[in-house]
Amino acid sequence: MADDPTIEVQVVTRHLPDHLPPDSVQYAFAYEITIINHSDVPVQLINRYWQITDSDGKTSEVQGSGVVGKQPKIAPGATFSYTSGAILDTPVGNMQGYYEMQGPDGGLFRVPIDVFRLALPNVIN
């Protein structure tokens, strides 16, 4: 694809205090992703890649086909939203990655996802 379509990724995160047992030493977070296709061509999300890092520097990677069991097609001007989660060993961490998308010509391109923070409310670090 000569010119990659303009795809925007928005992220909203939240701590899930009731997701794990009260005596757990881990922290659960949800992240809601909204993918907006600002281009005039349809795109399809084929694969995802995430790098998750906690505040101790422990890093894990997640990659695979689609998101939440789907490989959504996103029409021009349309959006696709989903919610997923991550569990960290520390109360603060971050995620970053990319989506591998396919344009109408069959070509693949990456949409980077900027670093975003996972943190308990009111945590100072």
Protein backbone atom coordinates (compact mmCIF):
# COMPACT_ATOMS: atom_id res chain seq x y z
CA MET A 1 0.00 0.00 0.00
CA ALA A 2 1.63 3.24 -1.11
CA ASP A 3 -0.13 5.53 1.36
CA ASP A 4 -1.26 3.92 4.58
CA PRO A 5 -4.76 4.93 5.63
CA THR A 6 -5.00 7.27 8.59
CA ILE A 7 -5.96 5.15 11.58
CA GLU A 8 -6.32 6.63 15.07
CA VAL A 9 -6.12 4.56 18.26
CA GLN A 10 -7.63 5.93 21.49
CA VAL A 11 -7.12 4.23 24.87
CA VAL A 12 -8.94 4.55 28.20
CA THR A 13 -7.69 2.51 31.17
CA ARG A 14 -9.09 1.66 34.58
CA HIS A 15 -8.08 -0.37 37.61
CA LEU A 16 -10.29 -3.38 38.41
CA PRO A 17 -9.99 -3.76 42.20
CA ASP A 18 -12.66 -6.48 42.40
CA HIS A 19 -11.23 -8.63 39.60
CA LEU A 20 -8.72 -10.46 41.83
CA PRO A 21 -9.08 -11.90 45.37
CA PRO A 22 -8.62 -9.30 48.16
CA ASP A 23 -5.37 -10.93 49.31
CA SER A 24 -3.86 -10.95 45.81
CA VAL A 25 -0.45 -9.36 45.32
CA GLN A 26 -1.28 -8.58 41.68
CA TYR A 27 -3.22 -5.73 40.09
CA ALA A 28 -5.87 -6.07 37.36
CA PHE A 29 -6.48 -3.39 34.75
CA ALA A 30 -8.89 -2.97 31.86
CA TYR A 31 -8.14 -1.01 28.73
CA GLU A 32 -10.76 0.13 26.26
CA ILE A 33 -9.50 0.65 22.75
CA THR A 34 -11.28 2.63 20.06
CA ILE A 35 -9.89 2.37 16.53
CA ILE A 36 -11.02 5.12 14.17
CA ASN A 37 -10.61 4.84 10.40
CA HIS A 38 -10.13 8.42 9.18
CA SER A 39 -9.33 7.29 5.65
CA ASP A 40 -11.55 6.78 2.62
CA VAL A 41 -10.77 3.05 2.32
CA PRO A 42 -11.80 0.07 4.45
CA VAL A 43 -9.19 -1.67 6.60
CA GLN A 44 -9.11 -4.93 8.52
CA LEU A 45 -7.29 -5.58 11.79
CA ILE A 46 -5.31 -8.79 11.20
CA ASN A 47 -2.86 -9.10 14.13
CA ARG A 48 -1.89 -7.38 17.37
CA TYR A 49 1.32 -6.97 19.34
CA TRP A 50 1.62 -5.68 22.91
CA GLN A 51 4.60 -5.05 25.14
CA ILE A 52 3.55 -4.83 28.80
CA THR A 53 6.02 -3.49 31.37
CA ASP A 54 5.52 -3.20 35.12
CA SER A 55 7.27 -0.65 37.35
CA ASP A 56 9.94 -3.22 38.29
CA GLY A 57 10.92 -3.39 34.61
CA LYS A 58 9.44 -6.87 34.05
CA THR A 59 8.31 -7.07 30.44
CA SER A 60 5.97 -9.48 28.71
CA GLU A 61 4.82 -9.66 25.11
CA VAL A 62 1.45 -10.64 23.72
CA GLN A 63 0.89 -11.18 20.02
CA GLY A 64 -1.58 -12.99 17.89
CA SER A 65 -4.43 -12.93 15.47
CA GLY A 66 -7.00 -10.16 15.82
CA VAL A 67 -8.37 -8.77 19.08
CA VAL A 68 -10.90 -10.36 21.46
CA GLY A 69 -11.37 -13.20 18.99
CA LYS A 70 -12.19 -10.92 16.05
CA GLN A 71 -10.48 -9.55 12.96
CA PRO A 72 -12.76 -6.56 12.47
CA LYS A 73 -13.23 -4.77 9.17
CA ILE A 74 -13.48 -1.03 9.74
CA ALA A 75 -15.22 0.98 7.04
CA PRO A 76 -14.14 4.51 6.08
CA GLY A 77 -15.18 6.92 8.82
CA ALA A 78 -16.19 4.07 11.15
CA THR A 79 -14.91 2.97 14.54
CA PHE A 80 -14.35 -0.33 16.31
CA SER A 81 -14.14 -0.54 20.11
CA TYR A 82 -13.29 -3.36 22.46
CA THR A 83 -12.21 -3.89 26.05
CA SER A 84 -9.50 -6.24 27.26
CA GLY A 85 -7.26 -6.47 30.28
CA ALA A 86 -3.86 -7.03 31.80
CA ILE A 87 -2.61 -8.21 35.19
CA LEU A 88 0.54 -6.66 36.65
CA ASP A 89 2.72 -7.53 39.63
CA THR A 90 3.04 -3.82 40.49
CA PRO A 91 0.44 -1.03 40.93
CA VAL A 92 1.87 0.91 37.97
CA GLY A 93 2.95 -0.18 34.51
CA ASN A 94 2.54 0.61 30.86
CA MET A 95 1.66 -0.93 27.52
CA GLN A 96 2.55 -0.15 23.93
CA GLY A 97 2.40 -1.98 20.66
CA TYR A 98 0.86 -2.02 17.22
CA TYR A 99 -1.92 -3.42 15.09
CA GLU A 100 -1.15 -5.04 11.79
CA MET A 101 -3.85 -3.92 9.38
CA GLN A 102 -4.73 -4.90 5.83
CA GLY A 103 -5.82 -2.39 3.24
CA PRO A 104 -8.15 -2.98 0.29
CA ASP A 105 -5.23 -3.94 -1.97
CA GLY A 106 -4.24 -6.77 0.39
CA GLY A 107 -1.11 -4.98 1.59
CA LEU A 108 -0.27 -5.05 5.29
CA PHE A 109 0.76 -2.03 7.36
CA ARG A 110 1.34 -1.32 11.04
CA VAL A 111 -0.56 1.14 13.17
CA PRO A 112 1.59 2.04 16.20
CA ILE A 113 -0.04 2.29 19.62
CA ASP A 114 1.70 4.86 21.79
CA VAL A 115 2.71 4.02 25.36
CA PHE A 116 -0.17 4.24 27.80
CA ARG A 117 -0.16 3.88 31.58
CA LEU A 118 -1.86 1.31 33.76
CA ALA A 119 -2.00 2.62 37.33
CA LEU A 120 -4.01 2.52 40.50
CA PRO A 121 -5.86 5.80 41.04
CA ASN A 122 -3.85 8.41 42.95
CA VAL A 123 -0.59 6.45 42.81
CA ILE A 124 2.46 8.70 42.66
CA ASN A 125 5.62 7.33 41.14
